[in-house]
Amino acid sequence: MAENNQQNQMKIGTDPARTPILYADSIFITTDDNGLILDVAQRITGTDQAFVVARIGLSKEHAKKLAALIADNLAKGGEFFTRKVKLG
């Protein structure tokens, strides 16, 4: 089974110049019947404001899968897998 998982994994590359790691200390969620948007933000020191650094749109189905993967990862540690794509 582990051998099959290795064959189905997609390699993901990132360009640090185009995809920096953005620090976030706030996440705002907007939802409707079709899905949700995560506004990932940084609080502005000394104010009651936050600056959105990324917006992520997800279907409700994918949001539920992401929530389950995050909960499982936090509980057990390790890596994230979604279908054939390894995250992390």
N, C-alpha and C. Protein backbone atom coordinates (compact mmCIF):
# COMPACT_ATOMS: atom_id res chain seq x y z
N MET A 1 0.82 -1.19 0.00
CA MET A 1 0.00 0.00 0.00
C MET A 1 0.87 1.25 0.00
N ALA A 2 1.93 1.27 0.80
CA ALA A 2 2.82 2.43 0.84
C ALA A 2 3.46 2.65 -0.52
N GLU A 3 3.75 1.55 -1.20
CA GLU A 3 4.33 1.67 -2.53
C GLU A 3 3.36 2.34 -3.50
N ASN A 4 2.08 2.00 -3.43
CA ASN A 4 1.05 2.60 -4.26
C ASN A 4 0.91 4.10 -3.96
N ASN A 5 0.96 4.48 -2.67
CA ASN A 5 0.88 5.90 -2.30
C ASN A 5 2.04 6.69 -2.90
N GLN A 6 3.23 6.11 -2.92
CA GLN A 6 4.39 6.80 -3.47
C GLN A 6 4.23 7.02 -4.97
N GLN A 7 3.63 6.07 -5.67
CA GLN A 7 3.44 6.20 -7.11
C GLN A 7 2.41 7.27 -7.44
N ASN A 8 1.41 7.47 -6.59
CA ASN A 8 0.33 8.40 -6.84
C ASN A 8 0.61 9.82 -6.36
N GLN A 9 1.72 10.06 -5.70
CA GLN A 9 2.02 11.39 -5.17
C GLN A 9 2.47 12.33 -6.27
N MET A 10 2.00 13.55 -6.19
CA MET A 10 2.42 14.58 -7.12
C MET A 10 3.49 15.42 -6.43
N LYS A 11 4.57 15.70 -7.14
CA LYS A 11 5.62 16.56 -6.59
C LYS A 11 5.20 18.01 -6.80
N ILE A 12 5.30 18.80 -5.75
CA ILE A 12 4.91 20.20 -5.81
C ILE A 12 6.14 21.06 -5.57
N GLY A 13 6.40 21.99 -6.48
CA GLY A 13 7.52 22.91 -6.33
C GLY A 13 7.01 24.32 -6.11
N THR A 14 7.77 25.11 -5.41
CA THR A 14 7.42 26.51 -5.22
C THR A 14 8.61 27.39 -5.56
N ASP A 15 8.31 28.56 -6.04
CA ASP A 15 9.31 29.57 -6.32
C ASP A 15 9.24 30.59 -5.17
N PRO A 16 10.22 30.63 -4.28
CA PRO A 16 10.16 31.52 -3.13
C PRO A 16 9.96 33.00 -3.50
N ALA A 17 10.40 33.40 -4.68
CA ALA A 17 10.21 34.79 -5.10
C ALA A 17 8.74 35.08 -5.43
N ARG A 18 8.02 34.05 -5.86
CA ARG A 18 6.62 34.25 -6.26
C ARG A 18 5.62 33.75 -5.22
N THR A 19 6.07 32.85 -4.36
CA THR A 19 5.17 32.28 -3.36
C THR A 19 5.81 32.33 -1.97
N PRO A 20 5.92 33.52 -1.41
CA PRO A 20 6.54 33.64 -0.09
C PRO A 20 5.62 33.08 0.99
N ILE A 21 6.21 32.73 2.12
CA ILE A 21 5.42 32.35 3.27
C ILE A 21 4.95 33.64 3.93
N LEU A 22 3.65 33.77 4.08
CA LEU A 22 3.08 34.97 4.66
C LEU A 22 2.64 34.68 6.09
N TYR A 23 3.10 35.50 7.02
CA TYR A 23 2.68 35.34 8.42
C TYR A 23 1.25 35.81 8.56
N ALA A 24 0.45 35.09 9.29
CA ALA A 24 -0.93 35.49 9.54
C ALA A 24 -1.28 35.22 11.00
N ASP A 25 -1.98 36.15 11.60
CA ASP A 25 -2.46 35.94 12.96
C ASP A 25 -3.97 36.10 13.07
N SER A 26 -4.62 36.24 11.91
CA SER A 26 -6.08 36.35 11.87
C SER A 26 -6.61 35.69 10.60
N ILE A 27 -7.74 35.03 10.73
CA ILE A 27 -8.43 34.47 9.56
C ILE A 27 -9.90 34.83 9.68
N PHE A 28 -10.44 35.42 8.62
CA PHE A 28 -11.84 35.80 8.57
C PHE A 28 -12.52 34.91 7.54
N ILE A 29 -13.68 34.35 7.89
CA ILE A 29 -14.37 33.40 7.02
C ILE A 29 -15.70 33.99 6.57
N THR A 30 -15.90 34.00 5.25
CA THR A 30 -17.17 34.40 4.66
C THR A 30 -17.73 33.17 3.96
N THR A 31 -18.99 32.84 4.22
CA THR A 31 -19.57 31.63 3.65
C THR A 31 -20.94 31.90 3.06
N ASP A 32 -21.29 31.07 2.07
CA ASP A 32 -22.64 31.06 1.52
C ASP A 32 -22.99 29.62 1.17
N ASP A 33 -24.07 29.41 0.46
CA ASP A 33 -24.51 28.04 0.14
C ASP A 33 -23.51 27.27 -0.72
N ASN A 34 -22.68 27.97 -1.49
CA ASN A 34 -21.77 27.31 -2.43
C ASN A 34 -20.39 27.02 -1.88
N GLY A 35 -19.93 27.78 -0.91
CA GLY A 35 -18.58 27.58 -0.41
C GLY A 35 -18.19 28.65 0.58
N LEU A 36 -16.88 28.85 0.69
CA LEU A 36 -16.41 29.86 1.63
C LEU A 36 -15.13 30.51 1.14
N ILE A 37 -14.87 31.69 1.69
CA ILE A 37 -13.64 32.42 1.40
C ILE A 37 -12.92 32.64 2.72
N LEU A 38 -11.65 32.30 2.74
CA LEU A 38 -10.80 32.58 3.89
C LEU A 38 -9.98 33.82 3.58
N ASP A 39 -10.14 34.86 4.37
CA ASP A 39 -9.29 36.04 4.28
C ASP A 39 -8.23 35.89 5.36
N VAL A 40 -7.00 35.65 4.95
CA VAL A 40 -5.88 35.44 5.86
C VAL A 40 -5.21 36.79 6.06
N ALA A 41 -5.06 37.20 7.31
CA ALA A 41 -4.64 38.58 7.57
C ALA A 41 -3.57 38.69 8.65
N GLN A 42 -2.90 39.85 8.63
CA GLN A 42 -1.94 40.23 9.67
C GLN A 42 -2.52 41.42 10.41
N ARG A 43 -2.52 41.36 11.73
CA ARG A 43 -2.97 42.51 12.51
C ARG A 43 -1.94 43.62 12.40
N ILE A 44 -2.43 44.85 12.35
CA ILE A 44 -1.54 46.00 12.30
C ILE A 44 -1.30 46.46 13.73
N THR A 45 -0.05 46.38 14.17
CA THR A 45 0.31 46.69 15.55
C THR A 45 -0.18 48.07 15.96
N GLY A 46 -0.76 48.12 17.14
CA GLY A 46 -1.20 49.39 17.70
C GLY A 46 -2.52 49.89 17.16
N THR A 47 -3.20 49.08 16.33
CA THR A 47 -4.49 49.49 15.78
C THR A 47 -5.50 48.36 15.96
N ASP A 48 -6.74 48.63 15.59
CA ASP A 48 -7.77 47.60 15.60
C ASP A 48 -8.02 47.09 14.19
N GLN A 49 -7.00 47.17 13.32
CA GLN A 49 -7.13 46.80 11.92
C GLN A 49 -6.25 45.60 11.59
N ALA A 50 -6.62 44.95 10.48
CA ALA A 50 -5.83 43.84 9.96
C ALA A 50 -5.70 44.02 8.45
N PHE A 51 -4.57 43.55 7.89
CA PHE A 51 -4.26 43.65 6.47
C PHE A 51 -4.35 42.26 5.87
N VAL A 52 -5.24 42.06 4.90
CA VAL A 52 -5.40 40.75 4.25
C VAL A 52 -4.19 40.49 3.36
N VAL A 53 -3.51 39.36 3.58
CA VAL A 53 -2.33 39.00 2.80
C VAL A 53 -2.63 37.92 1.77
N ALA A 54 -3.76 37.21 1.94
CA ALA A 54 -4.15 36.17 0.97
C ALA A 54 -5.64 35.90 1.12
N ARG A 55 -6.25 35.54 -0.01
CA ARG A 55 -7.66 35.13 -0.01
C ARG A 55 -7.72 33.75 -0.65
N ILE A 56 -8.44 32.84 -0.02
CA ILE A 56 -8.53 31.47 -0.51
C ILE A 56 -10.00 31.10 -0.60
N GLY A 57 -10.44 30.70 -1.77
CA GLY A 57 -11.81 30.27 -1.97
C GLY A 57 -11.88 28.75 -2.05
N LEU A 58 -12.85 28.17 -1.35
CA LEU A 58 -13.02 26.71 -1.32
C LEU A 58 -14.49 26.34 -1.43
N SER A 59 -14.76 25.21 -2.08
CA SER A 59 -16.11 24.67 -2.02
C SER A 59 -16.32 24.17 -0.59
N LYS A 60 -17.57 23.99 -0.19
CA LYS A 60 -17.82 23.48 1.17
C LYS A 60 -17.25 22.08 1.33
N GLU A 61 -17.31 21.27 0.26
CA GLU A 61 -16.76 19.92 0.32
C GLU A 61 -15.25 19.96 0.60
N HIS A 62 -14.53 20.80 -0.12
CA HIS A 62 -13.08 20.90 0.08
C HIS A 62 -12.75 21.53 1.43
N ALA A 63 -13.56 22.49 1.88
CA ALA A 63 -13.33 23.10 3.18
C ALA A 63 -13.47 22.06 4.30
N LYS A 64 -14.46 21.18 4.18
CA LYS A 64 -14.64 20.13 5.18
C LYS A 64 -13.45 19.17 5.18
N LYS A 65 -12.96 18.82 3.99
CA LYS A 65 -11.79 17.94 3.90
C LYS A 65 -10.55 18.61 4.50
N LEU A 66 -10.37 19.90 4.20
CA LEU A 66 -9.23 20.63 4.76
C LEU A 66 -9.32 20.69 6.27
N ALA A 67 -10.51 20.99 6.82
CA ALA A 67 -10.70 21.04 8.27
C ALA A 67 -10.36 19.70 8.91
N ALA A 68 -10.79 18.60 8.30
CA ALA A 68 -10.50 17.27 8.84
C ALA A 68 -9.01 16.98 8.79
N LEU A 69 -8.35 17.33 7.69
CA LEU A 69 -6.90 17.11 7.57
C LEU A 69 -6.13 17.92 8.60
N ILE A 70 -6.53 19.17 8.80
CA ILE A 70 -5.85 20.01 9.80
C ILE A 70 -6.05 19.43 11.19
N ALA A 71 -7.28 19.06 11.54
CA ALA A 71 -7.55 18.49 12.86
C ALA A 71 -6.75 17.21 13.08
N ASP A 72 -6.72 16.34 12.07
CA ASP A 72 -5.98 15.09 12.18
C ASP A 72 -4.49 15.35 12.33
N ASN A 73 -3.97 16.29 11.54
CA ASN A 73 -2.55 16.60 11.61
C ASN A 73 -2.16 17.17 12.96
N LEU A 74 -2.99 18.06 13.50
CA LEU A 74 -2.69 18.64 14.80
C LEU A 74 -2.77 17.59 15.91
N ALA A 75 -3.67 16.63 15.76
CA ALA A 75 -3.82 15.58 16.76
C ALA A 75 -2.69 14.56 16.71
N LYS A 76 -2.23 14.22 15.50
CA LYS A 76 -1.26 13.15 15.33
C LYS A 76 0.13 13.61 14.91
N GLY A 77 0.23 14.79 14.33
CA GLY A 77 1.49 15.20 13.73
C GLY A 77 1.64 14.50 12.39
N GLY A 78 2.60 14.93 11.59
CA GLY A 78 2.84 14.26 10.33
C GLY A 78 2.56 15.12 9.13
N GLU A 79 2.22 14.47 8.02
CA GLU A 79 2.05 15.15 6.75
C GLU A 79 0.59 15.11 6.32
N PHE A 80 0.22 16.07 5.46
CA PHE A 80 -1.12 16.12 4.90
C PHE A 80 -1.13 15.44 3.54
N PHE A 81 -2.20 14.69 3.24
CA PHE A 81 -2.40 14.12 1.92
C PHE A 81 -3.82 14.41 1.48
N THR A 82 -4.00 14.89 0.26
CA THR A 82 -5.32 15.05 -0.32
C THR A 82 -5.29 14.32 -1.66
N ARG A 83 -6.06 13.29 -1.78
CA ARG A 83 -6.04 12.42 -2.96
C ARG A 83 -4.62 12.07 -3.34
N LYS A 84 -4.15 12.58 -4.47
CA LYS A 84 -2.81 12.22 -4.94
C LYS A 84 -1.77 13.28 -4.60
N VAL A 85 -2.19 14.35 -3.93
CA VAL A 85 -1.27 15.45 -3.66
C VAL A 85 -0.86 15.46 -2.20
N LYS A 86 0.43 15.47 -1.97
CA LYS A 86 0.97 15.55 -0.62
C LYS A 86 1.17 17.03 -0.28
N LEU A 87 0.61 17.46 0.83
CA LEU A 87 0.78 18.83 1.29
C LEU A 87 1.66 18.81 2.52
N GLY A 88 2.73 19.59 2.51
CA GLY A 88 3.57 19.68 3.69
C GLY A 88 4.75 18.76 3.68
